[in-house]
Amino acid sequence: MDIVVSGIRSTGNLHLGNYFGALRNFIRMQDENKCFFFIADIHSLTTHPDPKSLHANVKNVLVDYLAAGIDPEKSIIYLQSDIPEIAELYLYLNMHAYLGELAKTTSFKEKARKQPDNINAGLLTYPTLMAADIIIHHADKVPVGKDQEQHLEMTRRFARRFNNFYGVEYFKEPVAYNFGQELIKIPGLDGSGKMGKSEGNAIYLSDEPKVIEKKVKQALTDSGPKEFNSPKPDYIENLFTIMNVVSEPEVVQHYEELWNKCEIRYSDMKKQLAEDIIKVTSPIRKRILEIEKDDTYLHKVTTEGAEKARESASKTLKEVRQIMGFQPF
């Protein structure tokens, strides 16, 4: 049985990008693999969250995990901060990571641009913490979103570098796995790049139908195409990209044909898109409202998950320390 590891940062409720980019594949994988799914609350510290909001954000992600279909009877669900071995392995991996390669990562450059007054070391070493998250459980597969491909490749590099430096075949080089499908990147509704919490352009799994309708209605559009079969601007392509994942193929085809014939009405398309998004999110939202009230159940899930995750992580750390030469007297 292959080992799967992945996690999502605890910076608020999960959105369509999280669901289609990663979470949906988490759910599909848990029946045939040994899965470790964590909430990356340490990663969230790179943006210096308010201590009062940190716990609430962790709870939101945990509830969304469970409501979307991750089953604690099938998967190991835990908080990153509950596993101190991750932080220790992160420290060791940093000793074999280099400033040049870390500074070149796309995510670091983007974050440094967005938060110029908070370019902290955690932003720079984000890839080594992600690597520690993954290889501490000897993952075979990682169901990552499109925007995490570079980080996963760096994880493979760090695992290979550790093995080469110490002359061992210890860490595996995990691969992205999404059932042979292309990694999905859900764009934002504002015409920008990806959908994200910090970008303010997201549709959340917990959004009420009226909220979803309003957000989709406000999505950036224009006066429509002027020539048959003309290429779509990025902000229009974004709407079609979302429609491709939430709507039936014949629906997508219908609006593609209307676009190509210069007959598209964005109001109709947005109405259809909102309806299809609501169809996806409504069952999840119903479960969110039920689960978020049950703190006893949430405590049980995270406590049992931490015990199982630490069993795996502590074994790895013991072996890593021996490989590196840390020996008790």
C-alpha atoms as a PDB file:
ATOM      1  CA  MET A   1       0.000   0.000   0.000  1.00  0.00           C
ATOM      2  CA  ASP A   2       1.428   3.359  -1.036  1.00  0.00           C
ATOM      3  CA  ILE A   3       1.821   6.218   1.436  1.00  0.00           C
ATOM      4  CA  VAL A   4       0.142   9.526   0.565  1.00  0.00           C
ATOM      5  CA  VAL A   5       0.937  12.800   2.353  1.00  0.00           C
ATOM      6  CA  SER A   6      -0.486  16.253   1.807  1.00  0.00           C
ATOM      7  CA  GLY A   7      -1.785  19.249   3.709  1.00  0.00           C
ATOM      8  CA  ILE A   8      -3.394  22.666   3.421  1.00  0.00           C
ATOM      9  CA  ARG A   9      -2.393  25.870   5.194  1.00  0.00           C
ATOM     10  CA  SER A  10      -4.722  27.018   7.961  1.00  0.00           C
ATOM     11  CA  THR A  11      -5.351  30.558   6.770  1.00  0.00           C
ATOM     12  CA  GLY A  12      -9.137  30.400   6.685  1.00  0.00           C
ATOM     13  CA  ASN A  13     -11.936  28.397   5.117  1.00  0.00           C
ATOM     14  CA  LEU A  14     -11.199  26.169   2.158  1.00  0.00           C
ATOM     15  CA  HIS A  15     -12.293  27.288  -1.301  1.00  0.00           C
ATOM     16  CA  LEU A  16     -12.980  25.777  -4.717  1.00  0.00           C
ATOM     17  CA  GLY A  17      -9.282  25.945  -5.582  1.00  0.00           C
ATOM     18  CA  ASN A  18      -8.399  23.842  -2.532  1.00  0.00           C
ATOM     19  CA  TYR A  19     -11.178  21.387  -3.298  1.00  0.00           C
ATOM     20  CA  PHE A  20     -10.502  20.762  -6.983  1.00  0.00           C
ATOM     21  CA  GLY A  21      -6.748  21.350  -6.760  1.00  0.00           C
ATOM     22  CA  ALA A  22      -6.118  18.880  -3.940  1.00  0.00           C
ATOM     23  CA  LEU A  23      -8.925  17.964  -1.563  1.00  0.00           C
ATOM     24  CA  ARG A  24     -11.001  16.000  -4.054  1.00  0.00           C
ATOM     25  CA  ASN A  25      -8.021  13.775  -4.743  1.00  0.00           C
ATOM     26  CA  PHE A  26      -7.359  13.355  -1.001  1.00  0.00           C
ATOM     27  CA  ILE A  27     -10.807  11.795  -0.753  1.00  0.00           C
ATOM     28  CA  ARG A  28     -10.318   9.499  -3.735  1.00  0.00           C
ATOM     29  CA  MET A  29      -6.968   8.249  -2.450  1.00  0.00           C
ATOM     30  CA  GLN A  30      -7.971   7.200   1.047  1.00  0.00           C
ATOM     31  CA  ASP A  31      -9.577   3.913   0.019  1.00  0.00           C
ATOM     32  CA  GLU A  32      -6.459   2.481  -1.622  1.00  0.00           C
ATOM     33  CA  ASN A  33      -3.536   4.123   0.204  1.00  0.00           C
ATOM     34  CA  LYS A  34      -2.241   4.879   3.676  1.00  0.00           C
ATOM     35  CA  CYS A  35      -2.996   8.594   3.866  1.00  0.00           C
ATOM     36  CA  PHE A  36      -1.582  11.319   6.115  1.00  0.00           C
ATOM     37  CA  PHE A  37      -3.538  14.559   5.738  1.00  0.00           C
ATOM     38  CA  PHE A  38      -2.446  17.464   7.910  1.00  0.00           C
ATOM     39  CA  ILE A  39      -3.414  21.045   8.615  1.00  0.00           C
ATOM     40  CA  ALA A  40      -0.349  23.207   8.002  1.00  0.00           C
ATOM     41  CA  ASP A  41      -0.667  25.608  10.914  1.00  0.00           C
ATOM     42  CA  ILE A  42       3.114  26.146  11.177  1.00  0.00           C
ATOM     43  CA  HIS A  43       3.221  27.164   7.510  1.00  0.00           C
ATOM     44  CA  SER A  44       0.569  29.780   8.246  1.00  0.00           C
ATOM     45  CA  LEU A  45       2.967  31.595  10.591  1.00  0.00           C
ATOM     46  CA  THR A  46       4.827  33.066   7.603  1.00  0.00           C
ATOM     47  CA  THR A  47       2.083  35.690   7.401  1.00  0.00           C
ATOM     48  CA  HIS A  48       2.092  36.333  11.181  1.00  0.00           C
ATOM     49  CA  PRO A  49      -1.566  35.491  11.930  1.00  0.00           C
ATOM     50  CA  ASP A  50      -3.225  36.863  15.015  1.00  0.00           C
ATOM     51  CA  PRO A  51      -3.008  34.243  17.816  1.00  0.00           C
ATOM     52  CA  LYS A  52      -6.752  34.525  18.377  1.00  0.00           C
ATOM     53  CA  SER A  53      -7.513  33.709  14.754  1.00  0.00           C
ATOM     54  CA  LEU A  54      -4.977  30.892  14.408  1.00  0.00           C
ATOM     55  CA  HIS A  55      -7.068  28.331  16.307  1.00  0.00           C
ATOM     56  CA  ALA A  56     -10.259  29.389  14.536  1.00  0.00           C
ATOM     57  CA  ASN A  57      -8.589  28.997  11.151  1.00  0.00           C
ATOM     58  CA  VAL A  58      -7.298  25.541  12.087  1.00  0.00           C
ATOM     59  CA  LYS A  59     -10.799  24.522  13.132  1.00  0.00           C
ATOM     60  CA  ASN A  60     -12.243  25.821   9.866  1.00  0.00           C
ATOM     61  CA  VAL A  61      -9.869  23.701   7.789  1.00  0.00           C
ATOM     62  CA  LEU A  62     -10.414  20.632   9.974  1.00  0.00           C
ATOM     63  CA  VAL A  63     -14.181  20.946   9.664  1.00  0.00           C
ATOM     64  CA  ASP A  64     -13.917  21.483   5.903  1.00  0.00           C
ATOM     65  CA  TYR A  65     -11.675  18.391   5.593  1.00  0.00           C
ATOM     66  CA  LEU A  66     -14.218  16.224   7.353  1.00  0.00           C
ATOM     67  CA  ALA A  67     -17.246  17.747   5.647  1.00  0.00           C
ATOM     68  CA  ALA A  68     -15.703  17.273   2.202  1.00  0.00           C
ATOM     69  CA  GLY A  69     -15.261  13.558   2.858  1.00  0.00           C
ATOM     70  CA  ILE A  70     -11.902  12.843   4.481  1.00  0.00           C
ATOM     71  CA  ASP A  71     -12.647   9.951   6.821  1.00  0.00           C
ATOM     72  CA  PRO A  72     -10.614   9.646  10.064  1.00  0.00           C
ATOM     73  CA  GLU A  73     -11.355   5.906  10.021  1.00  0.00           C
ATOM     74  CA  LYS A  74      -9.480   5.635   6.723  1.00  0.00           C
ATOM     75  CA  SER A  75      -6.947   8.494   6.902  1.00  0.00           C
ATOM     76  CA  ILE A  76      -4.645   9.979   9.535  1.00  0.00           C
ATOM     77  CA  ILE A  77      -5.697  13.599  10.119  1.00  0.00           C
ATOM     78  CA  TYR A  78      -3.501  15.782  12.314  1.00  0.00           C
ATOM     79  CA  LEU A  79      -2.205  19.264  13.026  1.00  0.00           C
ATOM     80  CA  GLN A  80       1.310  19.995  11.811  1.00  0.00           C
ATOM     81  CA  SER A  81       2.151  21.673  15.135  1.00  0.00           C
ATOM     82  CA  ASP A  82       1.214  18.518  17.068  1.00  0.00           C
ATOM     83  CA  ILE A  83       4.179  16.683  15.517  1.00  0.00           C
ATOM     84  CA  PRO A  84       7.427  18.220  16.896  1.00  0.00           C
ATOM     85  CA  GLU A  85       9.483  15.772  14.850  1.00  0.00           C
ATOM     86  CA  ILE A  86       8.491  17.735  11.727  1.00  0.00           C
ATOM     87  CA  ALA A  87      10.160  20.873  13.091  1.00  0.00           C
ATOM     88  CA  GLU A  88      13.310  18.913  13.927  1.00  0.00           C
ATOM     89  CA  LEU A  89      13.571  17.361  10.471  1.00  0.00           C
ATOM     90  CA  TYR A  90      12.924  20.815   8.984  1.00  0.00           C
ATOM     91  CA  LEU A  91      15.979  22.072  10.897  1.00  0.00           C
ATOM     92  CA  TYR A  92      18.178  19.260   9.583  1.00  0.00           C
ATOM     93  CA  LEU A  93      17.016  19.743   5.986  1.00  0.00           C
ATOM     94  CA  ASN A  94      17.805  23.454   6.203  1.00  0.00           C
ATOM     95  CA  MET A  95      21.450  22.511   6.764  1.00  0.00           C
ATOM     96  CA  HIS A  96      21.445  20.994   3.265  1.00  0.00           C
ATOM     97  CA  ALA A  97      19.400  23.687   1.500  1.00  0.00           C
ATOM     98  CA  TYR A  98      21.067  26.655  -0.153  1.00  0.00           C
ATOM     99  CA  LEU A  99      20.125  30.313  -0.215  1.00  0.00           C
ATOM    100  CA  GLY A 100      20.286  30.579  -3.998  1.00  0.00           C
ATOM    101  CA  GLU A 101      17.865  27.764  -4.714  1.00  0.00           C
ATOM    102  CA  LEU A 102      15.408  28.854  -2.021  1.00  0.00           C
ATOM    103  CA  ALA A 103      15.390  32.483  -3.154  1.00  0.00           C
ATOM    104  CA  LYS A 104      14.604  31.434  -6.739  1.00  0.00           C
ATOM    105  CA  THR A 105      11.355  29.668  -5.908  1.00  0.00           C
ATOM    106  CA  THR A 106       8.283  31.235  -7.473  1.00  0.00           C
ATOM    107  CA  SER A 107       6.321  31.222  -4.217  1.00  0.00           C
ATOM    108  CA  PHE A 108       9.066  33.077  -2.332  1.00  0.00           C
ATOM    109  CA  LYS A 109       9.323  35.767  -4.978  1.00  0.00           C
ATOM    110  CA  GLU A 110       5.535  36.189  -5.060  1.00  0.00           C
ATOM    111  CA  LYS A 111       5.213  36.360  -1.276  1.00  0.00           C
ATOM    112  CA  ALA A 112       8.136  38.768  -0.982  1.00  0.00           C
ATOM    113  CA  ARG A 113       6.423  41.030  -3.498  1.00  0.00           C
ATOM    114  CA  LYS A 114       3.073  40.872  -1.704  1.00  0.00           C
ATOM    115  CA  GLN A 115       4.428  41.364   1.829  1.00  0.00           C
ATOM    116  CA  PRO A 116       7.619  43.451   1.435  1.00  0.00           C
ATOM    117  CA  ASP A 117       7.577  44.403   5.118  1.00  0.00           C
ATOM    118  CA  ASN A 118       7.532  40.765   6.236  1.00  0.00           C
ATOM    119  CA  ILE A 119      10.080  38.806   4.178  1.00  0.00           C
ATOM    120  CA  ASN A 120      10.878  36.382   6.962  1.00  0.00           C
ATOM    121  CA  ALA A 121      13.090  33.294   7.011  1.00  0.00           C
ATOM    122  CA  GLY A 122      10.007  31.091   7.110  1.00  0.00           C
ATOM    123  CA  LEU A 123       8.997  32.353   3.675  1.00  0.00           C
ATOM    124  CA  LEU A 124      12.443  31.560   2.351  1.00  0.00           C
ATOM    125  CA  THR A 125      12.569  28.055   3.834  1.00  0.00           C
ATOM    126  CA  TYR A 126       8.953  27.154   3.079  1.00  0.00           C
ATOM    127  CA  PRO A 127      10.136  24.396   0.663  1.00  0.00           C
ATOM    128  CA  THR A 128      12.243  22.669   3.330  1.00  0.00           C
ATOM    129  CA  LEU A 129       9.342  22.620   5.785  1.00  0.00           C
ATOM    130  CA  MET A 130       7.123  21.213   3.068  1.00  0.00           C
ATOM    131  CA  ALA A 131       9.780  18.595   2.355  1.00  0.00           C
ATOM    132  CA  ALA A 132       9.907  17.660   6.041  1.00  0.00           C
ATOM    133  CA  ASP A 133       6.114  17.307   6.094  1.00  0.00           C
ATOM    134  CA  ILE A 134       6.250  14.846   3.226  1.00  0.00           C
ATOM    135  CA  ILE A 135       9.356  12.736   3.664  1.00  0.00           C
ATOM    136  CA  ILE A 136       8.959  12.270   7.412  1.00  0.00           C
ATOM    137  CA  HIS A 137       6.299   9.677   6.547  1.00  0.00           C
ATOM    138  CA  HIS A 138       8.238   8.296   3.532  1.00  0.00           C
ATOM    139  CA  ALA A 139       5.519   9.372   1.127  1.00  0.00           C
ATOM    140  CA  ASP A 140       5.184   7.705  -2.260  1.00  0.00           C
ATOM    141  CA  LYS A 141       2.551  10.075  -3.607  1.00  0.00           C
ATOM    142  CA  VAL A 142       1.604  13.695  -3.018  1.00  0.00           C
ATOM    143  CA  PRO A 143      -1.729  14.996  -4.383  1.00  0.00           C
ATOM    144  CA  VAL A 144      -0.601  18.581  -4.876  1.00  0.00           C
ATOM    145  CA  GLY A 145      -2.195  21.449  -6.722  1.00  0.00           C
ATOM    146  CA  LYS A 146      -0.661  23.034  -9.793  1.00  0.00           C
ATOM    147  CA  ASP A 147       0.975  25.812  -7.770  1.00  0.00           C
ATOM    148  CA  GLN A 148       2.884  23.313  -5.597  1.00  0.00           C
ATOM    149  CA  GLU A 149       4.647  21.395  -8.367  1.00  0.00           C
ATOM    150  CA  GLN A 150       7.895  23.325  -7.903  1.00  0.00           C
ATOM    151  CA  HIS A 151       7.895  22.680  -4.160  1.00  0.00           C
ATOM    152  CA  LEU A 152       7.371  18.964  -4.700  1.00  0.00           C
ATOM    153  CA  GLU A 153      10.308  18.873  -7.093  1.00  0.00           C
ATOM    154  CA  MET A 154      12.403  20.552  -4.403  1.00  0.00           C
ATOM    155  CA  THR A 155      11.220  17.917  -1.908  1.00  0.00           C
ATOM    156  CA  ARG A 156      12.535  15.266  -4.270  1.00  0.00           C
ATOM    157  CA  ARG A 157      15.801  17.172  -4.548  1.00  0.00           C
ATOM    158  CA  PHE A 158      16.242  17.461  -0.773  1.00  0.00           C
ATOM    159  CA  ALA A 159      15.487  13.757  -0.292  1.00  0.00           C
ATOM    160  CA  ARG A 160      18.015  12.842  -2.983  1.00  0.00           C
ATOM    161  CA  ARG A 161      20.597  15.248  -1.557  1.00  0.00           C
ATOM    162  CA  PHE A 162      20.264  13.746   1.936  1.00  0.00           C
ATOM    163  CA  ASN A 163      20.688  10.234   0.546  1.00  0.00           C
ATOM    164  CA  ASN A 164      23.722  11.205  -1.539  1.00  0.00           C
ATOM    165  CA  PHE A 165      25.412  13.174   1.237  1.00  0.00           C
ATOM    166  CA  TYR A 166      25.139  10.387   3.799  1.00  0.00           C
ATOM    167  CA  GLY A 167      25.591   7.535   1.353  1.00  0.00           C
ATOM    168  CA  VAL A 168      22.257   5.881   2.100  1.00  0.00           C
ATOM    169  CA  GLU A 169      19.092   4.997   0.237  1.00  0.00           C
ATOM    170  CA  TYR A 170      16.798   6.216   2.962  1.00  0.00           C
ATOM    171  CA  PHE A 171      14.281   8.801   1.787  1.00  0.00           C
ATOM    172  CA  LYS A 172      11.991   8.120  -1.147  1.00  0.00           C
ATOM    173  CA  GLU A 173      11.480  10.678  -3.907  1.00  0.00           C
ATOM    174  CA  PRO A 174       7.704  11.179  -3.858  1.00  0.00           C
ATOM    175  CA  VAL A 175       5.760  11.892  -7.009  1.00  0.00           C
ATOM    176  CA  ALA A 176       2.733  14.042  -7.740  1.00  0.00           C
ATOM    177  CA  TYR A 177      -0.257  11.822  -8.180  1.00  0.00           C
ATOM    178  CA  ASN A 178      -3.670  12.865  -9.426  1.00  0.00           C
ATOM    179  CA  PHE A 179      -4.970   9.681 -11.054  1.00  0.00           C
ATOM    180  CA  GLY A 180      -3.195  10.440 -14.308  1.00  0.00           C
ATOM    181  CA  GLN A 181      -5.025  13.735 -14.680  1.00  0.00           C
ATOM    182  CA  GLU A 182      -3.436  17.115 -15.242  1.00  0.00           C
ATOM    183  CA  LEU A 183      -3.013  19.078 -12.039  1.00  0.00           C
ATOM    184  CA  ILE A 184      -5.868  21.544 -11.698  1.00  0.00           C
ATOM    185  CA  LYS A 185      -5.380  25.227 -10.959  1.00  0.00           C
ATOM    186  CA  ILE A 186      -8.600  27.080 -10.214  1.00  0.00           C
ATOM    187  CA  PRO A 187      -8.405  30.786 -11.178  1.00  0.00           C
ATOM    188  CA  GLY A 188      -9.890  33.682  -9.255  1.00  0.00           C
ATOM    189  CA  LEU A 189     -13.051  35.525 -10.218  1.00  0.00           C
ATOM    190  CA  ASP A 190     -11.315  38.888 -10.426  1.00  0.00           C
ATOM    191  CA  GLY A 191      -9.376  38.180 -13.598  1.00  0.00           C
ATOM    192  CA  SER A 192      -6.124  37.533 -11.727  1.00  0.00           C
ATOM    193  CA  GLY A 193      -4.216  34.270 -11.393  1.00  0.00           C
ATOM    194  CA  LYS A 194      -5.187  31.539  -8.961  1.00  0.00           C
ATOM    195  CA  MET A 195      -8.077  31.554  -6.544  1.00  0.00           C
ATOM    196  CA  GLY A 196      -6.816  32.299  -3.058  1.00  0.00           C
ATOM    197  CA  LYS A 197      -7.785  33.507   0.395  1.00  0.00           C
ATOM    198  CA  SER A 198      -5.276  36.344   0.450  1.00  0.00           C
ATOM    199  CA  GLU A 199      -6.308  37.483  -3.032  1.00  0.00           C
ATOM    200  CA  GLY A 200      -9.917  37.985  -1.926  1.00  0.00           C
ATOM    201  CA  ASN A 201     -11.216  36.293  -5.076  1.00  0.00           C
ATOM    202  CA  ALA A 202     -12.338  32.937  -3.690  1.00  0.00           C
ATOM    203  CA  ILE A 203     -15.577  30.993  -3.423  1.00  0.00           C
ATOM    204  CA  TYR A 204     -15.539  29.055  -0.166  1.00  0.00           C
ATOM    205  CA  LEU A 205     -17.014  25.622   0.457  1.00  0.00           C
ATOM    206  CA  SER A 206     -18.948  27.175   3.344  1.00  0.00           C
ATOM    207  CA  ASP A 207     -20.415  30.070   1.317  1.00  0.00           C
ATOM    208  CA  GLU A 208     -24.195  30.381   1.279  1.00  0.00           C
ATOM    209  CA  PRO A 209     -25.862  30.105  -2.156  1.00  0.00           C
ATOM    210  CA  LYS A 210     -26.707  33.818  -2.212  1.00  0.00           C
ATOM    211  CA  VAL A 211     -23.079  34.687  -1.485  1.00  0.00           C
ATOM    212  CA  ILE A 212     -21.916  32.468  -4.334  1.00  0.00           C
ATOM    213  CA  GLU A 213     -24.418  34.032  -6.717  1.00  0.00           C
ATOM    214  CA  LYS A 214     -23.225  37.520  -5.784  1.00  0.00           C
ATOM    215  CA  LYS A 215     -19.537  36.639  -6.184  1.00  0.00           C
ATOM    216  CA  VAL A 216     -20.046  35.040  -9.591  1.00  0.00           C
ATOM    217  CA  LYS A 217     -22.226  37.913 -10.746  1.00  0.00           C
ATOM    218  CA  GLN A 218     -19.402  40.330  -9.929  1.00  0.00           C
ATOM    219  CA  ALA A 219     -16.793  38.338 -11.874  1.00  0.00           C
ATOM    220  CA  LEU A 220     -14.864  40.412 -14.397  1.00  0.00           C
ATOM    221  CA  THR A 221     -16.226  40.295 -17.977  1.00  0.00           C
ATOM    222  CA  ASP A 222     -16.386  42.585 -21.004  1.00  0.00           C
ATOM    223  CA  SER A 223     -18.739  43.440 -23.872  1.00  0.00           C
ATOM    224  CA  GLY A 224     -18.152  40.065 -25.534  1.00  0.00           C
ATOM    225  CA  PRO A 225     -16.254  38.810 -28.608  1.00  0.00           C
ATOM    226  CA  LYS A 226     -16.324  40.826 -31.813  1.00  0.00           C
ATOM    227  CA  GLU A 227     -15.116  38.131 -34.219  1.00  0.00           C
ATOM    228  CA  PHE A 228     -16.028  34.468 -34.654  1.00  0.00           C
ATOM    229  CA  ASN A 229     -13.738  31.938 -32.918  1.00  0.00           C
ATOM    230  CA  SER A 230     -11.647  34.666 -31.351  1.00  0.00           C
ATOM    231  CA  PRO A 231      -9.283  33.860 -28.473  1.00  0.00           C
ATOM    232  CA  LYS A 232     -10.611  34.561 -24.977  1.00  0.00           C
ATOM    233  CA  PRO A 233      -9.015  37.150 -22.686  1.00  0.00           C
ATOM    234  CA  ASP A 234      -7.558  35.644 -19.525  1.00  0.00           C
ATOM    235  CA  TYR A 235     -10.404  36.819 -17.304  1.00  0.00           C
ATOM    236  CA  ILE A 236     -12.981  35.162 -19.590  1.00  0.00           C
ATOM    237  CA  GLU A 237     -10.879  32.018 -19.885  1.00  0.00           C
ATOM    238  CA  ASN A 238     -10.952  31.921 -16.083  1.00  0.00           C
ATOM    239  CA  LEU A 239     -14.737  31.592 -16.083  1.00  0.00           C
ATOM    240  CA  PHE A 240     -14.579  28.769 -18.607  1.00  0.00           C
ATOM    241  CA  THR A 241     -11.877  27.036 -16.542  1.00  0.00           C
ATOM    242  CA  ILE A 242     -14.123  27.028 -13.475  1.00  0.00           C
ATOM    243  CA  MET A 243     -17.087  25.905 -15.563  1.00  0.00           C
ATOM    244  CA  ASN A 244     -15.009  23.023 -16.895  1.00  0.00           C
ATOM    245  CA  VAL A 245     -14.657  21.549 -13.404  1.00  0.00           C
ATOM    246  CA  VAL A 246     -18.115  22.233 -11.945  1.00  0.00           C
ATOM    247  CA  SER A 247     -20.448  21.883 -14.945  1.00  0.00           C
ATOM    248  CA  GLU A 248     -21.491  19.026 -17.219  1.00  0.00           C
ATOM    249  CA  PRO A 249     -19.496  18.758 -20.497  1.00  0.00           C
ATOM    250  CA  GLU A 250     -22.532  19.622 -22.611  1.00  0.00           C
ATOM    251  CA  VAL A 251     -23.002  22.833 -20.633  1.00  0.00           C
ATOM    252  CA  VAL A 252     -19.417  23.863 -21.260  1.00  0.00           C
ATOM    253  CA  GLN A 253     -19.751  22.993 -24.921  1.00  0.00           C
ATOM    254  CA  HIS A 254     -22.912  25.083 -25.188  1.00  0.00           C
ATOM    255  CA  TYR A 255     -21.200  28.227 -23.933  1.00  0.00           C
ATOM    256  CA  GLU A 256     -18.094  27.546 -26.007  1.00  0.00           C
ATOM    257  CA  GLU A 257     -20.293  27.504 -29.098  1.00  0.00           C
ATOM    258  CA  LEU A 258     -22.030  30.721 -28.061  1.00  0.00           C
ATOM    259  CA  TRP A 259     -18.643  32.359 -27.571  1.00  0.00           C
ATOM    260  CA  ASN A 260     -17.395  31.229 -30.967  1.00  0.00           C
ATOM    261  CA  LYS A 261     -20.564  32.574 -32.645  1.00  0.00           C
ATOM    262  CA  CYS A 262     -20.340  35.895 -30.751  1.00  0.00           C
ATOM    263  CA  GLU A 263     -23.723  35.149 -29.148  1.00  0.00           C
ATOM    264  CA  ILE A 264     -22.660  34.672 -25.557  1.00  0.00           C
ATOM    265  CA  ARG A 265     -24.550  36.472 -22.792  1.00  0.00           C
ATOM    266  CA  TYR A 266     -22.421  36.639 -19.700  1.00  0.00           C
ATOM    267  CA  SER A 267     -25.436  37.058 -17.424  1.00  0.00           C
ATOM    268  CA  ASP A 268     -26.734  33.656 -18.561  1.00  0.00           C
ATOM    269  CA  MET A 269     -23.321  32.058 -18.246  1.00  0.00           C
ATOM    270  CA  LYS A 270     -22.802  33.472 -14.748  1.00  0.00           C
ATOM    271  CA  LYS A 271     -26.226  32.253 -13.638  1.00  0.00           C
ATOM    272  CA  GLN A 272     -25.441  28.755 -14.899  1.00  0.00           C
ATOM    273  CA  LEU A 273     -21.977  28.821 -13.342  1.00  0.00           C
ATOM    274  CA  ALA A 274     -23.348  29.884  -9.952  1.00  0.00           C
ATOM    275  CA  GLU A 275     -25.973  27.128 -10.043  1.00  0.00           C
ATOM    276  CA  ASP A 276     -23.352  24.495 -10.804  1.00  0.00           C
ATOM    277  CA  ILE A 277     -20.986  25.727  -8.098  1.00  0.00           C
ATOM    278  CA  ILE A 278     -23.839  25.653  -5.574  1.00  0.00           C
ATOM    279  CA  LYS A 279     -24.642  22.092  -6.629  1.00  0.00           C
ATOM    280  CA  VAL A 280     -21.061  21.108  -5.721  1.00  0.00           C
ATOM    281  CA  THR A 281     -20.771  23.050  -2.465  1.00  0.00           C
ATOM    282  CA  SER A 282     -24.241  22.690  -0.899  1.00  0.00           C
ATOM    283  CA  PRO A 283     -23.831  19.094   0.399  1.00  0.00           C
ATOM    284  CA  ILE A 284     -20.436  20.045   1.850  1.00  0.00           C
ATOM    285  CA  ARG A 285     -21.820  23.198   3.454  1.00  0.00           C
ATOM    286  CA  LYS A 286     -24.617  21.180   5.097  1.00  0.00           C
ATOM    287  CA  ARG A 287     -22.052  18.863   6.717  1.00  0.00           C
ATOM    288  CA  ILE A 288     -19.891  21.837   7.759  1.00  0.00           C
ATOM    289  CA  LEU A 289     -22.800  23.283   9.747  1.00  0.00           C
ATOM    290  CA  GLU A 290     -23.253  19.935  11.521  1.00  0.00           C
ATOM    291  CA  ILE A 291     -19.600  19.131  12.277  1.00  0.00           C
ATOM    292  CA  GLU A 292     -18.471  22.574  13.445  1.00  0.00           C
ATOM    293  CA  LYS A 293     -20.715  22.303  16.516  1.00  0.00           C
ATOM    294  CA  ASP A 294     -19.175  19.027  17.715  1.00  0.00           C
ATOM    295  CA  ASP A 295     -15.938  19.995  19.504  1.00  0.00           C
ATOM    296  CA  THR A 296     -15.753  16.609  21.228  1.00  0.00           C
ATOM    297  CA  TYR A 297     -15.590  14.849  17.884  1.00  0.00           C
ATOM    298  CA  LEU A 298     -13.017  17.302  16.523  1.00  0.00           C
ATOM    299  CA  HIS A 299     -10.808  16.778  19.593  1.00  0.00           C
ATOM    300  CA  LYS A 300     -11.047  13.001  19.162  1.00  0.00           C
ATOM    301  CA  VAL A 301     -10.075  13.207  15.479  1.00  0.00           C
ATOM    302  CA  THR A 302      -7.000  15.377  16.055  1.00  0.00           C
ATOM    303  CA  THR A 303      -5.833  13.556  19.194  1.00  0.00           C
ATOM    304  CA  GLU A 304      -5.983  10.132  17.589  1.00  0.00           C
ATOM    305  CA  GLY A 305      -4.486  11.493  14.378  1.00  0.00           C
ATOM    306  CA  ALA A 306      -1.547  13.035  16.239  1.00  0.00           C
ATOM    307  CA  GLU A 307      -0.800   9.750  18.007  1.00  0.00           C
ATOM    308  CA  LYS A 308      -0.657   7.844  14.731  1.00  0.00           C
ATOM    309  CA  ALA A 309       1.340  10.544  12.926  1.00  0.00           C
ATOM    310  CA  ARG A 310       3.881  10.798  15.761  1.00  0.00           C
ATOM    311  CA  GLU A 311       4.403   7.039  15.706  1.00  0.00           C
ATOM    312  CA  SER A 312       5.494   7.311  12.079  1.00  0.00           C
ATOM    313  CA  ALA A 313       7.441  10.562  12.514  1.00  0.00           C
ATOM    314  CA  SER A 314       9.368   9.508  15.628  1.00  0.00           C
ATOM    315  CA  LYS A 315      10.611   6.356  13.926  1.00  0.00           C
ATOM    316  CA  THR A 316      11.913   8.438  11.016  1.00  0.00           C
ATOM    317  CA  LEU A 317      13.611  10.978  13.301  1.00  0.00           C
ATOM    318  CA  LYS A 318      15.340   8.260  15.286  1.00  0.00           C
ATOM    319  CA  GLU A 319      16.763   6.777  12.091  1.00  0.00           C
ATOM    320  CA  VAL A 320      17.685  10.185  10.630  1.00  0.00           C
ATOM    321  CA  ARG A 321      19.608  11.124  13.760  1.00  0.00           C
ATOM    322  CA  GLN A 322      21.540   7.852  13.589  1.00  0.00           C
ATOM    323  CA  ILE A 323      22.343   8.383   9.904  1.00  0.00           C
ATOM    324  CA  MET A 324      23.563  11.918  10.599  1.00  0.00           C
ATOM    325  CA  GLY A 325      25.774  10.790  13.462  1.00  0.00           C
ATOM    326  CA  PHE A 326      23.808  11.874  16.518  1.00  0.00           C
ATOM    327  CA  GLN A 327      24.534   9.063  18.943  1.00  0.00           C
ATOM    328  CA  PRO A 328      23.744   8.892  22.671  1.00  0.00           C
ATOM    329  CA  PHE A 329      26.632   8.389  25.100  1.00  0.00           C
END
